[in-house]
Every structure is written in structure tokens, then in C-alpha cells.
Amino acid sequence: MKYYDQISDGYDELHREEQLRKLSVIKTNLSIDRSAVLLDVGCGTGFAQEIFDCEYVGFDPSFELLKKAKKAGGRVFQAIAEQIPLKDNSIDISICVSVLHHIKDLDKALNEIKRVTRKIIVFSLFKKSKCFGEIRNKVGSYFKVDKIINDDKDLILFAR
């Protein structure tokens, strides 16, 4: 994750607008209670906490991005998706926005996300990723996909 540490100062300028658009689509298609606990897998600078009105927890492997996320508030910590340091079924909703194509061990990460999430998982899959088809198939093999939104650059899957 050295790349994201190196670009941390310009990360929001590069990605904020597009990510906020995807997060707005997700929010519009979810009913989230204020008491819900939401996990942001690969949270970056944590701007998802501006969108969702519930308890926010986020993690990212990039220390430099997390420093910016901590300034925004919310509970954030350094981790990788293959080893999420949370208890089983401790999260109501997990979101994973344009992250899966960065993960080394997809099976392990999907198992971890499934382990910690009680209700809903939303995946935003980057359609131009070289491994898009493989990722889409794996998500379908681990989760029951209830809704699919074909967004501009991403396929957004609502699963459980």
C-alpha cells in the first residue's frame, strides 16, 4: 500500500467526487437505521462517514490515508481485508467500494467480510479491472446477491 501512502495528500482530489457518487447510490438503495454499525472496507480517507448517518467503522492498510480519516472522526484502524480484527457478526452493514481488485487473497477477504457482517454487504466492483469477471463470480459464490446496479464505472452488488 505504499502507493496510497505516497498519494495520500492528493487522494481526495483524485477519488472523492467519484467515490461520493457511488456512496450516494448505495445510500439511496439501502435503508439504514441510525443504530446500525457500518463497516467501510478499505475506507481510504473515510469520507463515507459523511454520507451514512449511523455508527461508522472503517479500516484501510494505508497509514497515511487513515491519518486523514481519523481527522474526520469515526472509528478507523489499520488492517487488511484478509484479517479483519473484529468479532463475528459484529457489523450490521459492510460496504466495499472499488476495493476488491486490490486484494491479494480474495477468498480469505470475502470470508472475513462474511464473518463479521450480520445483514448486508455492498460491493462496488470496478468494471475495467482485469479480474472483474473473476471477482464478480467469487462474490456470487460467497453471497446471495439481491440487487445489482450497473453504474458508470462500477457494478454495485447488494448481497447477504
Protein backbone atom coordinates (compact mmCIF):
# COMPACT_ATOMS: atom_id res chain seq x y z
CA MET A 1 0.00 0.00 0.00
CA LYS A 2 3.00 2.27 -0.42
CA TYR A 3 1.28 3.78 -3.46
CA TYR A 4 -1.66 5.04 -1.37
CA ASP A 5 0.69 6.32 1.34
CA GLN A 6 2.54 8.26 -1.36
CA ILE A 7 -0.58 9.80 -2.92
CA SER A 8 -2.39 10.45 0.38
CA ASP A 9 -2.12 14.24 0.08
CA GLY A 10 -3.95 14.18 -3.28
CA TYR A 11 -6.19 11.16 -2.67
CA ASP A 12 -9.37 13.15 -2.09
CA GLU A 13 -8.75 15.28 -5.15
CA LEU A 14 -8.28 12.14 -7.26
CA HIS A 15 -11.09 9.98 -5.89
CA ARG A 16 -13.52 11.93 -3.70
CA GLU A 17 -16.11 13.00 -6.27
CA GLU A 18 -16.40 9.58 -7.91
CA GLN A 19 -16.47 7.71 -4.60
CA LEU A 20 -19.08 10.05 -3.10
CA ARG A 21 -21.27 9.46 -6.17
CA LYS A 22 -21.07 5.68 -5.66
CA LEU A 23 -21.73 6.06 -1.93
CA SER A 24 -24.81 8.17 -2.68
CA VAL A 25 -26.13 5.43 -4.99
CA ILE A 26 -25.55 2.89 -2.22
CA LYS A 27 -27.26 5.05 0.41
CA THR A 28 -30.26 5.65 -1.87
CA ASN A 29 -30.73 1.89 -2.24
CA LEU A 30 -30.31 0.96 1.44
CA SER A 31 -32.49 1.51 4.45
CA ILE A 32 -30.03 2.15 7.27
CA ASP A 33 -31.17 2.61 10.83
CA ARG A 34 -29.25 5.21 12.87
CA SER A 35 -28.34 2.49 15.37
CA ALA A 36 -26.71 0.34 12.68
CA VAL A 37 -22.97 -0.28 12.65
CA LEU A 38 -21.46 0.20 9.18
CA LEU A 39 -18.04 -1.14 8.22
CA ASP A 40 -16.17 0.62 5.41
CA VAL A 41 -13.71 -1.94 3.99
CA GLY A 42 -10.75 -0.06 2.50
CA CYS A 43 -12.05 3.25 3.83
CA GLY A 44 -9.29 5.46 2.43
CA THR A 45 -9.68 8.92 3.94
CA GLY A 46 -13.06 7.97 5.42
CA PHE A 47 -15.37 10.28 3.55
CA ALA A 48 -18.11 7.62 3.58
CA GLN A 49 -18.79 8.72 7.14
CA GLU A 50 -20.15 11.99 5.68
CA ILE A 51 -22.82 10.02 3.76
CA PHE A 52 -24.14 7.50 6.26
CA ASP A 53 -25.97 8.54 9.43
CA CYS A 54 -25.08 5.60 11.66
CA GLU A 55 -22.14 4.28 13.65
CA TYR A 56 -19.14 4.23 11.31
CA VAL A 57 -16.17 1.88 11.48
CA GLY A 58 -13.54 1.85 8.76
CA PHE A 59 -10.21 0.24 8.03
CA ASP A 60 -7.53 0.58 5.42
CA PRO A 61 -3.99 -0.76 5.04
CA SER A 62 -2.63 2.74 4.26
CA PHE A 63 -1.43 4.52 7.38
CA GLU A 64 -1.27 7.90 5.63
CA LEU A 65 -4.87 7.68 4.38
CA LEU A 66 -6.01 6.67 7.87
CA LYS A 67 -4.42 9.76 9.39
CA LYS A 68 -6.80 11.82 7.24
CA ALA A 69 -9.76 9.55 8.10
CA LYS A 70 -9.11 9.99 11.82
CA LYS A 71 -9.37 13.76 11.43
CA ALA A 72 -12.89 13.27 10.01
CA GLY A 73 -13.95 11.36 13.14
CA GLY A 74 -15.41 7.89 13.35
CA ARG A 75 -13.60 4.77 14.43
CA VAL A 76 -10.86 3.79 11.97
CA PHE A 77 -7.95 1.41 12.21
CA GLN A 78 -5.19 -0.10 10.09
CA ALA A 79 -5.92 -3.58 8.75
CA ILE A 80 -6.25 -5.65 5.60
CA ALA A 81 -9.44 -7.32 4.40
CA GLU A 82 -7.88 -10.75 4.76
CA GLN A 83 -7.53 -10.23 8.54
CA ILE A 84 -10.32 -8.07 9.94
CA PRO A 85 -9.78 -7.68 13.70
CA LEU A 86 -13.48 -7.62 14.61
CA LYS A 87 -15.75 -10.16 16.30
CA ASP A 88 -18.03 -12.47 14.32
CA ASN A 89 -21.34 -10.84 13.35
CA SER A 90 -20.34 -7.53 14.96
CA ILE A 91 -21.26 -5.39 11.91
CA ASP A 92 -24.73 -4.73 10.51
CA ILE A 93 -23.71 -3.45 7.06
CA SER A 94 -20.39 -3.62 5.25
CA ILE A 95 -19.50 -1.57 2.21
CA CYS A 96 -16.58 -2.36 -0.03
CA VAL A 97 -16.30 0.38 -2.66
CA SER A 98 -13.84 -0.24 -5.52
CA VAL A 99 -11.54 -2.26 -3.27
CA LEU A 100 -11.70 -5.96 -4.21
CA HIS A 101 -9.42 -5.64 -7.25
CA HIS A 102 -6.62 -4.51 -4.86
CA ILE A 103 -6.88 -7.52 -2.54
CA LYS A 104 -4.28 -10.28 -2.79
CA ASP A 105 -6.26 -13.19 -1.32
CA LEU A 106 -9.85 -12.61 -2.42
CA ASP A 107 -11.20 -15.83 -0.91
CA LYS A 108 -9.79 -15.00 2.50
CA ALA A 109 -11.09 -11.41 2.32
CA LEU A 110 -14.60 -12.48 1.29
CA ASN A 111 -14.68 -15.00 4.12
CA GLU A 112 -13.63 -12.30 6.59
CA ILE A 113 -16.21 -9.80 5.35
CA LYS A 114 -18.86 -12.51 5.58
CA ARG A 115 -17.70 -13.49 9.08
CA VAL A 116 -18.03 -10.00 10.58
CA THR A 117 -21.23 -8.89 8.78
CA ARG A 118 -24.70 -9.73 10.12
CA LYS A 119 -27.02 -8.31 7.47
CA ILE A 120 -25.98 -6.61 4.23
CA ILE A 121 -22.78 -6.30 2.25
CA VAL A 122 -22.48 -3.89 -0.66
CA PHE A 123 -19.70 -4.38 -3.17
CA SER A 124 -18.82 -1.83 -5.81
CA LEU A 125 -16.78 -3.67 -8.46
CA PHE A 126 -14.59 -1.69 -10.84
CA LYS A 127 -15.68 -2.88 -14.30
CA LYS A 128 -12.37 -2.08 -16.03
CA SER A 129 -10.35 -4.23 -13.64
CA LYS A 130 -8.51 -7.08 -15.39
CA CYS A 131 -10.02 -9.50 -12.88
CA PHE A 132 -13.59 -8.10 -12.91
CA GLY A 133 -15.18 -11.36 -14.11
CA GLU A 134 -13.35 -13.44 -11.55
CA ILE A 135 -14.26 -11.04 -8.74
CA ARG A 136 -17.92 -10.92 -9.83
CA ASN A 137 -18.10 -14.72 -9.90
CA LYS A 138 -16.44 -15.09 -6.49
CA VAL A 139 -18.76 -12.58 -4.86
CA GLY A 140 -21.68 -14.55 -6.34
CA SER A 141 -20.30 -17.80 -4.94
CA TYR A 142 -19.89 -16.41 -1.39
CA PHE A 143 -23.04 -14.30 -1.13
CA LYS A 144 -26.65 -14.17 -2.27
CA VAL A 145 -26.84 -11.07 -4.45
CA ASP A 146 -30.27 -9.44 -4.06
CA LYS A 147 -29.80 -6.35 -6.22
CA ILE A 148 -27.41 -5.18 -8.94
CA ILE A 149 -26.93 -1.61 -10.12
CA ASN A 150 -24.93 -1.09 -13.29
CA ASP A 151 -23.27 2.24 -12.56
CA ASP A 152 -20.98 4.19 -14.89
CA LYS A 153 -17.64 2.61 -13.87
CA ASP A 154 -18.76 0.05 -11.33
CA LEU A 155 -21.20 -2.78 -10.85
CA ILE A 156 -22.80 -2.33 -7.42
CA LEU A 157 -23.95 -5.55 -5.74
CA PHE A 158 -26.21 -5.66 -2.69
CA ALA A 159 -25.70 -9.02 -1.02
CA ARG A 160 -26.19 -11.04 2.14
